[in-house]
Amino acid sequence: MSEHHHHHDHSGPIAISDTAAKVVVGLLGIIGMVVLVATVFLWPSAQHVEIPLPMQTMSGGAVETEAGTVVMQDIGPCGSPSNGKAFTDKPEPPRTASYTCQRSIIDIRSGPDEGKKTLFEIAPGPGQPDLRAGDDIRMVRAADPAGITMYGFEDYARGLPLTLIVLAFVVVICVVARWRGFRALVGLCFAFGVVVMFLLPALLDGKAAIPVALVSGALILYVVLYLAHGVNLRTSSALLGTLASMVVAAILSWLAIEVTHLTGLSEEQNTNVATYIQHVSITGLLLAGFIIGSLGVLNDVTITQASAAFELAALDEVASRREIFTAAMRVGRDHIASTVYTLVLAYAGGALPLLLLFSVAGRSITDVLTGDAVAIEITRSAVGGIALALSVPLTTAIAVMLARPFGTKTAAVAPARARHARN
């Protein structure tokens, strides 16, 4: 009985026909050129947008904030003339003890009044901050009609804890995934840059939402996938599948929003946009959100399917394309089942406060589910789930054709399979 020794090096790309490689590279090259041309065409123009009224100071300018630290907090008579004003020693006592509230003395740590103090008098009630000595906060600095600088509570200062949390995230990703994890983080920064520097300004400039979202998504995918997974045909097959799935998600999102008549006005931030930035389409924002929101889960599924197809082809050199596709689809079905849970539960988790309010409103479940706010999340989950499910066979088919290109003589090596079975 003869022995067969097979060695597969999975670290490099699997050899495929020159024709298949040229088709893939050419197709991605053409799509890339179209994306770049569209980026130039859709690039937002220099623009000046008035600051929305809720975000203005009393003088009509942008809100400025300063750092502060609570040094004293108690409950006592309120109505001090020093409330919100800067002082150097102690606040003036209230002229009449008309009511009791929480009093906090704040050290001003930045700005023109750095080194001075201010007083906050906060009446108890829902949504009011419960300041304690030692709390670091951000304060709004503005001038009243008389030109006197006034301070007000803006938010808690979260710079240091957020920095530590992000640093822990970066360290863990880099330690576990090493250079690939680091490259993924660089890709994440690039994706954030595309959203901030192109997507949002283009929408603010009144550009059509679907082309802007598709171009933004394509820019992100080209950089993120190749940066994290390397420039090879395995990644290219995942990229093709993700780009195609993203287009499917865009079409489905548009159809779903048109059919369901979603307005997005049930969300306060959308209402503010509609009121103060009237040239921006709320349904366009919804569309862009649907498309960009689907990229992460699509990327996860497509790269897994591409890797599965290439690994299966490498493990069994005599397997046919149908066999590889069938085996990879078994992996894909398991992935779909688990990722759909992730998709739906992530949206449900974000909507918990809304669902809690509806649960005590006494409304029927039908009214709750078909209302604009919940319907948006249902539609988002359904569109993402459909695009996710379709991306699996699509990417698998692309990857199989690359891993086992047409023209490969699988039939000629059938005797080798028989010898494998006997050994």
Protein backbone atom coordinates (compact mmCIF):
# COMPACT_ATOMS: atom_id res chain seq x y z
CA MET A 1 0.00 0.00 0.00
CA SER A 2 1.48 3.28 -1.04
CA GLU A 3 1.51 6.25 1.31
CA HIS A 4 0.37 9.71 0.45
CA HIS A 5 1.71 12.69 2.30
CA HIS A 6 -0.14 15.96 1.78
CA HIS A 7 0.97 19.27 3.14
CA HIS A 8 -1.15 22.41 2.87
CA ASP A 9 0.20 25.82 3.73
CA HIS A 10 -2.88 27.84 4.59
CA SER A 11 -0.91 30.96 5.37
CA GLY A 12 -0.79 32.06 1.72
CA PRO A 13 -3.39 32.37 -1.00
CA ILE A 14 -4.50 29.21 -2.79
CA ALA A 15 -3.32 29.05 -6.39
CA ILE A 16 -6.11 29.74 -8.88
CA SER A 17 -6.29 30.30 -12.60
CA ASP A 18 -4.98 33.54 -14.06
CA THR A 19 -8.36 34.20 -15.67
CA ALA A 20 -10.25 34.08 -12.36
CA ALA A 21 -7.69 36.36 -10.71
CA LYS A 22 -7.90 38.87 -13.55
CA VAL A 23 -11.71 38.90 -13.41
CA VAL A 24 -11.73 39.53 -9.65
CA VAL A 25 -9.02 42.19 -9.71
CA GLY A 26 -10.56 43.85 -12.75
CA LEU A 27 -14.07 43.89 -11.28
CA LEU A 28 -12.95 45.28 -7.94
CA GLY A 29 -10.75 47.79 -9.77
CA ILE A 30 -13.70 49.04 -11.84
CA ILE A 31 -15.94 49.27 -8.78
CA GLY A 32 -13.17 51.09 -6.90
CA MET A 33 -12.77 53.63 -9.70
CA VAL A 34 -16.54 54.22 -9.78
CA VAL A 35 -16.53 54.75 -6.01
CA LEU A 36 -13.67 57.27 -6.23
CA VAL A 37 -15.36 59.21 -9.05
CA ALA A 38 -18.63 59.19 -7.11
CA THR A 39 -16.79 60.41 -4.01
CA VAL A 40 -15.46 63.40 -5.93
CA PHE A 41 -18.88 64.07 -7.45
CA LEU A 42 -20.69 63.83 -4.09
CA TRP A 43 -18.04 65.62 -2.04
CA PRO A 44 -19.80 68.28 0.06
CA SER A 45 -19.28 71.89 -0.85
CA ALA A 46 -18.03 74.52 1.55
CA GLN A 47 -21.08 75.47 3.54
CA HIS A 48 -22.19 77.51 6.50
CA VAL A 49 -25.13 76.17 8.46
CA GLU A 50 -26.67 78.28 11.18
CA ILE A 51 -26.40 76.78 14.65
CA PRO A 52 -29.83 75.33 15.59
CA LEU A 53 -31.66 77.37 18.22
CA PRO A 54 -31.49 74.75 21.02
CA MET A 55 -27.71 74.61 20.60
CA GLN A 56 -27.15 78.38 20.66
CA THR A 57 -26.09 80.56 23.56
CA MET A 58 -28.17 83.63 24.44
CA SER A 59 -25.91 85.66 22.14
CA GLY A 60 -26.56 83.28 19.21
CA GLY A 61 -23.11 81.66 19.21
CA ALA A 62 -21.93 78.13 19.82
CA VAL A 63 -22.11 76.73 23.32
CA GLU A 64 -18.77 76.88 25.15
CA THR A 65 -18.04 74.59 28.06
CA GLU A 66 -15.50 74.73 30.85
CA ALA A 67 -14.17 72.20 33.33
CA GLY A 68 -15.19 72.29 36.97
CA THR A 69 -14.98 70.24 40.17
CA VAL A 70 -17.62 70.13 42.91
CA VAL A 71 -15.95 71.10 46.21
CA MET A 72 -19.02 71.44 48.41
CA GLN A 73 -22.59 70.19 48.27
CA ASP A 74 -25.44 70.55 50.75
CA ILE A 75 -29.16 71.21 51.09
CA GLY A 76 -30.18 74.68 52.19
CA PRO A 77 -31.99 77.93 51.44
CA CYS A 78 -31.66 79.02 47.82
CA GLY A 79 -32.01 82.27 45.92
CA SER A 80 -28.42 83.53 46.18
CA PRO A 81 -27.46 86.36 43.77
CA SER A 82 -24.22 84.40 43.17
CA ASN A 83 -26.07 81.51 41.50
CA GLY A 84 -24.26 80.76 38.22
CA LYS A 85 -21.83 83.71 38.62
CA ALA A 86 -18.08 83.57 39.21
CA PHE A 87 -16.76 84.70 42.60
CA THR A 88 -13.48 84.44 44.49
CA ASP A 89 -14.44 83.85 48.11
CA LYS A 90 -17.94 82.87 49.21
CA PRO A 91 -21.33 83.16 47.53
CA GLU A 92 -23.72 85.84 48.71
CA PRO A 93 -26.42 84.55 51.05
CA PRO A 94 -29.97 84.44 49.72
CA ARG A 95 -31.91 87.63 50.37
CA THR A 96 -35.06 85.67 51.24
CA ALA A 97 -35.15 82.01 52.24
CA SER A 98 -38.08 81.23 49.97
CA TYR A 99 -37.29 77.63 49.10
CA THR A 100 -34.81 74.82 49.77
CA CYS A 101 -32.66 73.15 47.14
CA GLN A 102 -29.37 71.43 46.53
CA ARG A 103 -26.45 73.88 46.63
CA SER A 104 -23.09 73.06 45.06
CA ILE A 105 -19.95 75.17 45.00
CA ILE A 106 -17.82 74.48 41.93
CA ASP A 107 -14.14 75.18 41.35
CA ILE A 108 -13.74 76.56 37.82
CA ARG A 109 -10.79 74.69 36.25
CA SER A 110 -10.60 76.28 32.79
CA GLY A 111 -11.53 79.39 30.82
CA PRO A 112 -11.29 83.09 31.68
CA ASP A 113 -12.49 82.53 35.27
CA GLU A 114 -10.09 79.68 36.05
CA GLY A 115 -9.27 79.64 39.76
CA LYS A 116 -12.58 81.20 40.77
CA LYS A 117 -15.73 79.49 42.03
CA THR A 118 -19.39 79.42 41.07
CA LEU A 119 -22.59 78.33 42.77
CA PHE A 120 -25.22 75.97 41.37
CA GLU A 121 -28.66 75.88 42.96
CA ILE A 122 -30.52 72.82 41.69
CA ALA A 123 -34.13 72.18 42.64
CA PRO A 124 -34.95 68.49 43.10
CA GLY A 125 -36.85 66.80 40.30
CA PRO A 126 -36.63 64.19 37.53
CA GLY A 127 -33.62 64.61 35.26
CA GLN A 128 -31.83 67.00 37.60
CA PRO A 129 -28.19 66.13 38.39
CA ASP A 130 -27.33 64.88 41.86
CA LEU A 131 -23.92 66.49 42.31
CA ARG A 132 -21.54 65.27 45.00
CA ALA A 133 -18.28 66.71 46.29
CA GLY A 134 -15.41 65.52 44.12
CA ASP A 135 -17.46 65.17 40.93
CA ASP A 136 -15.77 66.49 37.78
CA ILE A 137 -18.26 68.24 35.53
CA ARG A 138 -18.56 70.32 32.36
CA MET A 139 -20.24 73.72 32.65
CA VAL A 140 -21.85 75.88 29.98
CA ARG A 141 -20.31 79.37 29.86
CA ALA A 142 -22.49 82.10 28.40
CA ALA A 143 -23.28 85.78 28.86
CA ASP A 144 -26.65 87.03 30.05
CA PRO A 145 -28.36 90.04 28.38
CA ALA A 146 -26.37 92.36 30.69
CA GLY A 147 -23.09 90.84 29.49
CA ILE A 148 -22.32 89.08 32.78
CA THR A 149 -20.71 85.65 32.42
CA MET A 150 -23.00 82.90 33.70
CA TYR A 151 -22.33 79.21 34.27
CA GLY A 152 -24.71 76.27 34.18
CA PHE A 153 -24.45 72.52 34.50
CA GLU A 154 -23.85 70.79 31.14
CA ASP A 155 -22.83 67.20 31.93
CA TYR A 156 -20.48 65.06 33.92
CA ALA A 157 -16.87 65.06 32.72
CA ARG A 158 -16.16 61.63 31.28
CA GLY A 159 -12.84 62.22 29.54
CA LEU A 160 -10.64 60.15 31.84
CA PRO A 161 -12.94 57.12 32.37
CA LEU A 162 -13.81 57.00 28.66
CA THR A 163 -10.12 57.19 27.77
CA LEU A 164 -9.35 54.30 30.13
CA ILE A 165 -12.20 52.19 28.71
CA VAL A 166 -11.10 52.82 25.12
CA LEU A 167 -7.47 52.14 26.06
CA ALA A 168 -8.48 48.82 27.64
CA PHE A 169 -10.41 47.95 24.45
CA VAL A 170 -7.40 48.76 22.26
CA VAL A 171 -4.98 46.79 24.47
CA VAL A 172 -7.18 43.68 24.62
CA ILE A 173 -7.80 43.70 20.86
CA CYS A 174 -4.09 44.14 20.10
CA VAL A 175 -2.96 41.50 22.62
CA VAL A 176 -5.44 38.86 21.46
CA ALA A 177 -5.52 39.58 17.70
CA ARG A 178 -2.01 41.08 17.51
CA TRP A 179 -1.18 42.97 14.29
CA ARG A 180 -4.45 41.98 12.68
CA GLY A 181 -6.31 43.48 15.60
CA PHE A 182 -4.23 46.65 15.37
CA ARG A 183 -4.98 46.93 11.65
CA ALA A 184 -8.68 46.43 12.39
CA LEU A 185 -8.55 49.34 14.84
CA VAL A 186 -6.86 51.52 12.22
CA GLY A 187 -9.66 50.56 9.83
CA LEU A 188 -12.21 51.51 12.47
CA CYS A 189 -10.64 54.96 12.75
CA PHE A 190 -10.80 55.29 8.96
CA ALA A 191 -14.50 54.32 8.98
CA PHE A 192 -15.19 56.96 11.62
CA GLY A 193 -13.33 59.50 9.51
CA VAL A 194 -15.45 58.68 6.43
CA VAL A 195 -18.65 59.16 8.43
CA VAL A 196 -17.52 62.46 9.98
CA MET A 197 -15.72 63.99 6.99
CA PHE A 198 -17.85 62.75 4.09
CA LEU A 199 -21.16 61.08 4.99
CA LEU A 200 -22.53 63.64 7.44
CA PRO A 201 -21.36 66.77 5.52
CA ALA A 202 -22.72 65.33 2.25
CA LEU A 203 -26.13 64.68 3.84
CA LEU A 204 -26.02 68.14 5.37
CA ASP A 205 -25.26 69.49 1.90
CA GLY A 206 -28.52 67.98 0.62
CA LYS A 207 -26.98 65.13 -1.41
CA ALA A 208 -29.13 62.05 -2.09
CA ALA A 209 -28.93 59.63 0.83
CA ILE A 210 -28.62 56.29 -1.03
CA PRO A 211 -25.64 57.25 -3.26
CA VAL A 212 -23.88 58.94 -0.33
CA ALA A 213 -24.41 55.93 1.95
CA LEU A 214 -23.35 53.44 -0.73
CA VAL A 215 -20.19 55.39 -1.58
CA SER A 216 -19.36 55.79 2.12
CA GLY A 217 -19.94 52.10 2.75
CA ALA A 218 -17.78 51.09 -0.22
CA LEU A 219 -14.92 53.36 0.89
CA ILE A 220 -15.08 51.85 4.36
CA LEU A 221 -15.25 48.26 3.09
CA TYR A 222 -12.31 48.56 0.68
CA VAL A 223 -10.00 49.87 3.39
CA VAL A 224 -11.30 47.91 6.38
CA LEU A 225 -11.38 44.47 4.76
CA TYR A 226 -7.99 44.63 3.05
CA LEU A 227 -6.38 46.28 6.06
CA ALA A 228 -7.65 43.72 8.55
CA HIS A 229 -7.48 40.55 6.43
CA GLY A 230 -4.76 41.23 3.89
CA VAL A 231 -4.75 41.75 0.14
CA ASN A 232 -5.62 38.33 -1.28
CA LEU A 233 -8.37 36.57 -3.20
CA ARG A 234 -10.01 35.30 -0.04
CA THR A 235 -10.55 38.88 1.13
CA SER A 236 -11.52 39.94 -2.39
CA SER A 237 -14.30 37.38 -2.54
CA ALA A 238 -15.61 38.64 0.82
CA LEU A 239 -15.40 42.22 -0.44
CA LEU A 240 -17.38 41.40 -3.59
CA GLY A 241 -20.02 39.61 -1.54
CA THR A 242 -20.26 42.46 0.98
CA LEU A 243 -20.53 45.14 -1.71
CA ALA A 244 -23.30 43.19 -3.46
CA SER A 245 -25.10 42.61 -0.15
CA MET A 246 -24.80 46.30 0.73
CA VAL A 247 -26.56 47.20 -2.53
CA VAL A 248 -29.29 44.66 -1.68
CA ALA A 249 -29.62 46.23 1.78
CA ALA A 250 -29.95 49.69 0.20
CA ILE A 251 -32.72 48.57 -2.15
CA LEU A 252 -34.56 46.73 0.62
CA SER A 253 -34.22 49.73 2.97
CA TRP A 254 -35.70 52.08 0.39
CA LEU A 255 -38.58 49.71 -0.38
CA ALA A 256 -39.29 49.10 3.32
CA ILE A 257 -39.36 52.81 4.18
CA GLU A 258 -41.62 53.57 1.19
CA VAL A 259 -44.05 50.73 1.94
CA THR A 260 -44.27 51.30 5.70
CA HIS A 261 -44.29 55.13 5.46
CA LEU A 262 -41.73 55.44 8.24
CA THR A 263 -41.07 59.07 9.13
CA GLY A 264 -38.49 58.86 11.90
CA LEU A 265 -40.20 61.79 13.64
CA SER A 266 -40.93 59.65 16.69
CA GLU A 267 -37.28 60.18 17.71
CA GLU A 268 -36.48 63.53 19.31
CA GLN A 269 -33.19 64.05 17.48
CA ASN A 270 -34.89 63.50 14.12
CA THR A 271 -37.59 65.99 15.04
CA ASN A 272 -34.91 68.55 15.89
CA VAL A 273 -33.23 67.95 12.54
CA ALA A 274 -36.55 68.36 10.72
CA THR A 275 -37.27 71.58 12.62
CA TYR A 276 -33.91 73.32 12.49
CA ILE A 277 -32.13 71.77 9.46
CA GLN A 278 -35.09 71.57 7.13
CA HIS A 279 -33.14 70.85 3.92
CA VAL A 280 -31.97 67.48 5.33
CA SER A 281 -34.32 64.58 4.58
CA ILE A 282 -35.27 62.55 7.65
CA THR A 283 -36.09 59.50 5.53
CA GLY A 284 -32.70 59.97 3.88
CA LEU A 285 -31.08 59.86 7.32
CA LEU A 286 -33.02 56.68 8.08
CA LEU A 287 -31.86 55.14 4.79
CA ALA A 288 -28.23 56.04 5.42
CA GLY A 289 -28.50 54.65 8.95
CA PHE A 290 -29.96 51.37 7.69
CA ILE A 291 -27.19 50.95 5.10
CA ILE A 292 -24.21 51.92 7.28
CA GLY A 293 -25.63 49.96 10.21
CA SER A 294 -25.68 46.76 8.16
CA LEU A 295 -21.99 46.89 7.19
CA GLY A 296 -20.55 45.45 10.38
CA VAL A 297 -22.67 42.32 10.48
CA LEU A 298 -22.34 41.80 6.69
CA ASN A 299 -18.57 42.08 6.94
CA ASP A 300 -18.52 39.53 9.76
CA VAL A 301 -20.56 36.98 7.82
CA THR A 302 -18.94 37.40 4.41
CA ILE A 303 -15.34 37.12 5.60
CA THR A 304 -16.28 33.98 7.55
CA GLN A 305 -17.92 32.42 4.49
CA ALA A 306 -14.99 33.27 2.23
CA SER A 307 -12.53 31.78 4.72
CA ALA A 308 -14.64 28.64 5.12
CA ALA A 309 -14.82 28.08 1.34
CA PHE A 310 -11.08 28.56 0.83
CA GLU A 311 -10.16 26.35 3.79
CA LEU A 312 -12.49 23.56 2.62
CA ALA A 313 -11.01 23.76 -0.87
CA ALA A 314 -7.49 23.53 0.58
CA LEU A 315 -8.32 20.60 2.85
CA ASP A 316 -9.81 18.51 0.04
CA GLU A 317 -8.09 19.18 -3.27
CA VAL A 318 -10.39 16.82 -5.17
CA ALA A 319 -13.69 18.23 -3.87
CA SER A 320 -15.99 19.66 -6.52
CA ARG A 321 -17.38 23.16 -6.44
CA ARG A 322 -20.80 21.80 -5.47
CA GLU A 323 -19.34 19.88 -2.52
CA ILE A 324 -17.38 22.90 -1.29
CA PHE A 325 -20.42 25.15 -1.65
CA THR A 326 -22.65 22.70 0.22
CA ALA A 327 -20.15 22.30 3.07
CA ALA A 328 -19.56 26.04 3.38
CA MET A 329 -23.30 26.70 3.40
CA ARG A 330 -23.68 24.41 6.41
CA VAL A 331 -21.27 26.73 8.23
CA GLY A 332 -23.16 29.74 6.89
CA ARG A 333 -26.56 28.53 8.12
CA ASP A 334 -25.22 28.22 11.66
CA HIS A 335 -23.72 31.69 11.36
CA ILE A 336 -27.00 33.16 10.10
CA ALA A 337 -28.92 31.65 13.01
CA SER A 338 -26.57 33.13 15.61
CA THR A 339 -26.07 36.50 13.90
CA VAL A 340 -29.80 37.13 13.47
CA TYR A 341 -30.12 36.90 17.25
CA THR A 342 -27.25 39.37 17.60
CA LEU A 343 -28.85 41.76 15.12
CA VAL A 344 -32.35 41.75 16.61
CA LEU A 345 -31.31 41.73 20.27
CA ALA A 346 -28.86 44.60 19.71
CA TYR A 347 -31.68 46.78 18.36
CA ALA A 348 -34.05 45.60 21.09
CA GLY A 349 -31.48 46.47 23.74
CA GLY A 350 -31.17 49.99 22.38
CA ALA A 351 -34.95 50.42 22.41
CA LEU A 352 -35.50 49.18 26.00
CA PRO A 353 -36.43 52.62 27.45
CA LEU A 354 -38.98 53.09 24.67
CA LEU A 355 -40.43 49.60 25.18
CA LEU A 356 -40.64 50.26 28.92
CA LEU A 357 -42.69 53.41 28.34
CA PHE A 358 -45.02 51.56 25.98
CA SER A 359 -45.45 48.74 28.51
CA VAL A 360 -47.04 51.14 31.02
CA ALA A 361 -49.04 53.14 28.46
CA GLY A 362 -51.89 50.61 28.32
CA ARG A 363 -51.84 50.50 24.50
CA SER A 364 -52.48 47.35 22.49
CA ILE A 365 -49.47 45.35 21.30
CA THR A 366 -50.53 45.99 17.70
CA ASP A 367 -50.40 49.76 18.19
CA VAL A 368 -47.02 49.49 19.89
CA LEU A 369 -45.44 47.33 17.18
CA THR A 370 -46.81 49.36 14.28
CA GLY A 371 -46.00 52.74 15.79
CA ASP A 372 -43.21 54.67 14.04
CA ALA A 373 -40.62 54.27 16.79
CA VAL A 374 -40.86 50.48 17.16
CA ALA A 375 -41.56 49.93 13.46
CA ILE A 376 -38.22 51.56 12.63
CA GLU A 377 -36.37 49.00 14.75
CA ILE A 378 -38.43 46.11 13.35
CA THR A 379 -37.78 47.26 9.79
CA ARG A 380 -34.09 47.81 10.49
CA SER A 381 -33.78 44.30 11.93
CA ALA A 382 -35.74 42.71 9.07
CA VAL A 383 -33.78 44.50 6.34
CA GLY A 384 -30.48 43.65 8.02
CA GLY A 385 -31.56 40.03 8.45
CA ILE A 386 -32.58 39.65 4.79
CA ALA A 387 -29.33 41.20 3.55
CA LEU A 388 -27.42 38.99 5.98
CA ALA A 389 -29.13 35.81 4.82
CA LEU A 390 -28.64 36.62 1.13
CA SER A 391 -24.98 37.52 1.65
CA VAL A 392 -24.15 33.96 2.72
CA PRO A 393 -24.92 32.07 -0.53
CA LEU A 394 -23.74 35.03 -2.60
CA THR A 395 -20.33 35.26 -0.93
CA THR A 396 -19.98 31.50 -0.72
CA ALA A 397 -20.58 31.16 -4.47
CA ILE A 398 -18.00 33.86 -5.25
CA ALA A 399 -15.44 32.31 -2.90
CA VAL A 400 -15.99 28.80 -4.29
CA MET A 401 -15.42 30.00 -7.86
CA LEU A 402 -12.16 31.57 -6.77
CA ALA A 403 -11.00 28.71 -4.58
CA ARG A 404 -11.96 26.12 -7.22
CA PRO A 405 -12.09 28.05 -10.52
CA PHE A 406 -13.73 26.73 -13.63
CA GLY A 407 -11.33 24.66 -15.65
CA THR A 408 -9.93 22.84 -12.61
CA LYS A 409 -9.71 19.14 -13.42
CA THR A 410 -11.44 17.70 -10.38
CA ALA A 411 -12.58 14.66 -12.31
CA ALA A 412 -9.01 13.79 -13.34
CA VAL A 413 -7.97 13.39 -9.74
CA ALA A 414 -10.92 11.23 -8.74
CA PRO A 415 -8.66 8.14 -8.44
CA ALA A 416 -6.72 10.02 -5.81
CA ARG A 417 -9.90 10.27 -3.73
CA ALA A 418 -10.32 6.52 -3.96
CA ARG A 419 -6.76 6.02 -2.75
CA HIS A 420 -7.48 8.40 0.13
CA ALA A 421 -10.47 6.26 1.08
CA ARG A 422 -8.38 3.08 1.09
CA ASN A 423 -5.55 4.55 3.16
